[in-house]
Amino acid sequence: MNFLNTVKAFVANEAGAVTVDWVVLTAAIVGLGLAVVTSVRSGVSSLGTSISSSLSGASVASLGTLGSSGTTTTPSN
């Protein structure tokens, strides 16, 4: 009879239920994060390649030619 009471008490005990809930929620958040990273990875890689090719083809102006277009303008009132 003592064993039966112990089994009943074990089944009725809900002390670990909150822990199980948190484990399930944490696993869902980690899974969602992995899904987002997987879906965004190809777009970010493509964007990085585009930026790299644009920057490698760009030229840097020397300090003496910055802002000068060769024409002078006078402000109008």
C-alpha atoms as a PDB file:
ATOM      1  CA  MET A   1       0.000   0.000   0.000  1.00  0.00           C
ATOM      2  CA  ASN A   2       2.903   2.366   0.654  1.00  0.00           C
ATOM      3  CA  PHE A   3       4.227   1.897  -2.901  1.00  0.00           C
ATOM      4  CA  LEU A   4       0.827   2.772  -4.380  1.00  0.00           C
ATOM      5  CA  ASN A   5       0.683   6.002  -2.363  1.00  0.00           C
ATOM      6  CA  THR A   6       4.185   6.903  -3.547  1.00  0.00           C
ATOM      7  CA  VAL A   7       3.188   6.375  -7.198  1.00  0.00           C
ATOM      8  CA  LYS A   8       0.044   8.485  -6.744  1.00  0.00           C
ATOM      9  CA  ALA A   9       2.057  11.274  -5.152  1.00  0.00           C
ATOM     10  CA  PHE A  10       4.605  11.124  -7.992  1.00  0.00           C
ATOM     11  CA  VAL A  11       1.911  11.352 -10.675  1.00  0.00           C
ATOM     12  CA  ALA A  12       0.144  14.242  -8.906  1.00  0.00           C
ATOM     13  CA  ASN A  13       3.352  16.234  -8.377  1.00  0.00           C
ATOM     14  CA  GLU A  14       3.654  19.157 -10.836  1.00  0.00           C
ATOM     15  CA  ALA A  15       6.932  20.651  -9.606  1.00  0.00           C
ATOM     16  CA  GLY A  16       8.804  19.982 -12.866  1.00  0.00           C
ATOM     17  CA  ALA A  17       6.036  21.174 -15.190  1.00  0.00           C
ATOM     18  CA  VAL A  18       7.346  24.739 -15.295  1.00  0.00           C
ATOM     19  CA  THR A  19      10.820  23.499 -16.183  1.00  0.00           C
ATOM     20  CA  VAL A  20       9.425  21.463 -19.047  1.00  0.00           C
ATOM     21  CA  ASP A  21       7.526  24.509 -20.318  1.00  0.00           C
ATOM     22  CA  TRP A  22      10.684  26.631 -20.292  1.00  0.00           C
ATOM     23  CA  VAL A  23      12.663  23.941 -22.077  1.00  0.00           C
ATOM     24  CA  VAL A  24      10.034  23.737 -24.812  1.00  0.00           C
ATOM     25  CA  LEU A  25       9.882  27.534 -25.183  1.00  0.00           C
ATOM     26  CA  THR A  26      13.675  27.801 -25.303  1.00  0.00           C
ATOM     27  CA  ALA A  27      13.869  25.093 -27.958  1.00  0.00           C
ATOM     28  CA  ALA A  28      11.233  26.922 -30.012  1.00  0.00           C
ATOM     29  CA  ILE A  29      13.150  30.204 -29.802  1.00  0.00           C
ATOM     30  CA  VAL A  30      16.416  28.522 -30.807  1.00  0.00           C
ATOM     31  CA  GLY A  31      14.673  26.784 -33.708  1.00  0.00           C
ATOM     32  CA  LEU A  32      13.123  30.055 -34.866  1.00  0.00           C
ATOM     33  CA  GLY A  33      16.515  31.753 -34.697  1.00  0.00           C
ATOM     34  CA  LEU A  34      18.104  29.045 -36.805  1.00  0.00           C
ATOM     35  CA  ALA A  35      15.295  29.293 -39.355  1.00  0.00           C
ATOM     36  CA  VAL A  36      15.779  33.065 -39.639  1.00  0.00           C
ATOM     37  CA  VAL A  37      19.545  32.725 -40.042  1.00  0.00           C
ATOM     38  CA  THR A  38      19.094  30.085 -42.716  1.00  0.00           C
ATOM     39  CA  SER A  39      16.593  32.146 -44.697  1.00  0.00           C
ATOM     40  CA  VAL A  40      18.616  35.383 -44.511  1.00  0.00           C
ATOM     41  CA  ARG A  41      22.051  33.865 -45.180  1.00  0.00           C
ATOM     42  CA  SER A  42      21.809  33.723 -48.984  1.00  0.00           C
ATOM     43  CA  GLY A  43      20.564  37.309 -49.300  1.00  0.00           C
ATOM     44  CA  VAL A  44      23.290  38.643 -47.040  1.00  0.00           C
ATOM     45  CA  SER A  45      25.933  36.717 -48.954  1.00  0.00           C
ATOM     46  CA  SER A  46      24.669  38.137 -52.256  1.00  0.00           C
ATOM     47  CA  LEU A  47      24.589  41.655 -50.834  1.00  0.00           C
ATOM     48  CA  GLY A  48      28.137  41.268 -49.517  1.00  0.00           C
ATOM     49  CA  THR A  49      29.348  40.191 -52.939  1.00  0.00           C
ATOM     50  CA  SER A  50      27.659  43.195 -54.580  1.00  0.00           C
ATOM     51  CA  ILE A  51      29.173  45.606 -52.069  1.00  0.00           C
ATOM     52  CA  SER A  52      32.605  44.046 -52.508  1.00  0.00           C
ATOM     53  CA  SER A  53      32.512  44.372 -56.280  1.00  0.00           C
ATOM     54  CA  SER A  54      31.276  47.974 -56.063  1.00  0.00           C
ATOM     55  CA  LEU A  55      33.997  48.967 -53.630  1.00  0.00           C
ATOM     56  CA  SER A  56      36.748  47.250 -55.567  1.00  0.00           C
ATOM     57  CA  GLY A  57      35.798  49.196 -58.711  1.00  0.00           C
ATOM     58  CA  ALA A  58      35.534  52.558 -56.940  1.00  0.00           C
ATOM     59  CA  SER A  59      38.236  55.172 -57.127  1.00  0.00           C
ATOM     60  CA  VAL A  60      39.288  57.557 -54.400  1.00  0.00           C
ATOM     61  CA  ALA A  61      39.532  61.239 -55.217  1.00  0.00           C
ATOM     62  CA  SER A  62      42.641  63.070 -54.154  1.00  0.00           C
ATOM     63  CA  LEU A  63      42.341  65.829 -51.609  1.00  0.00           C
ATOM     64  CA  GLY A  64      42.967  68.629 -54.125  1.00  0.00           C
ATOM     65  CA  THR A  65      40.038  67.664 -56.353  1.00  0.00           C
ATOM     66  CA  LEU A  66      37.352  67.216 -53.751  1.00  0.00           C
ATOM     67  CA  GLY A  67      34.332  69.408 -54.409  1.00  0.00           C
ATOM     68  CA  SER A  68      35.683  71.080 -57.495  1.00  0.00           C
ATOM     69  CA  SER A  69      33.770  70.555 -60.700  1.00  0.00           C
ATOM     70  CA  GLY A  70      35.785  73.032 -62.779  1.00  0.00           C
ATOM     71  CA  THR A  71      33.013  75.647 -62.943  1.00  0.00           C
ATOM     72  CA  THR A  72      32.337  78.517 -60.640  1.00  0.00           C
ATOM     73  CA  THR A  73      28.872  79.495 -59.598  1.00  0.00           C
ATOM     74  CA  THR A  74      27.662  82.650 -57.943  1.00  0.00           C
ATOM     75  CA  PRO A  75      24.816  82.473 -55.477  1.00  0.00           C
ATOM     76  CA  SER A  76      21.616  84.092 -56.679  1.00  0.00           C
ATOM     77  CA  ASN A  77      19.620  86.379 -54.426  1.00  0.00           C
END
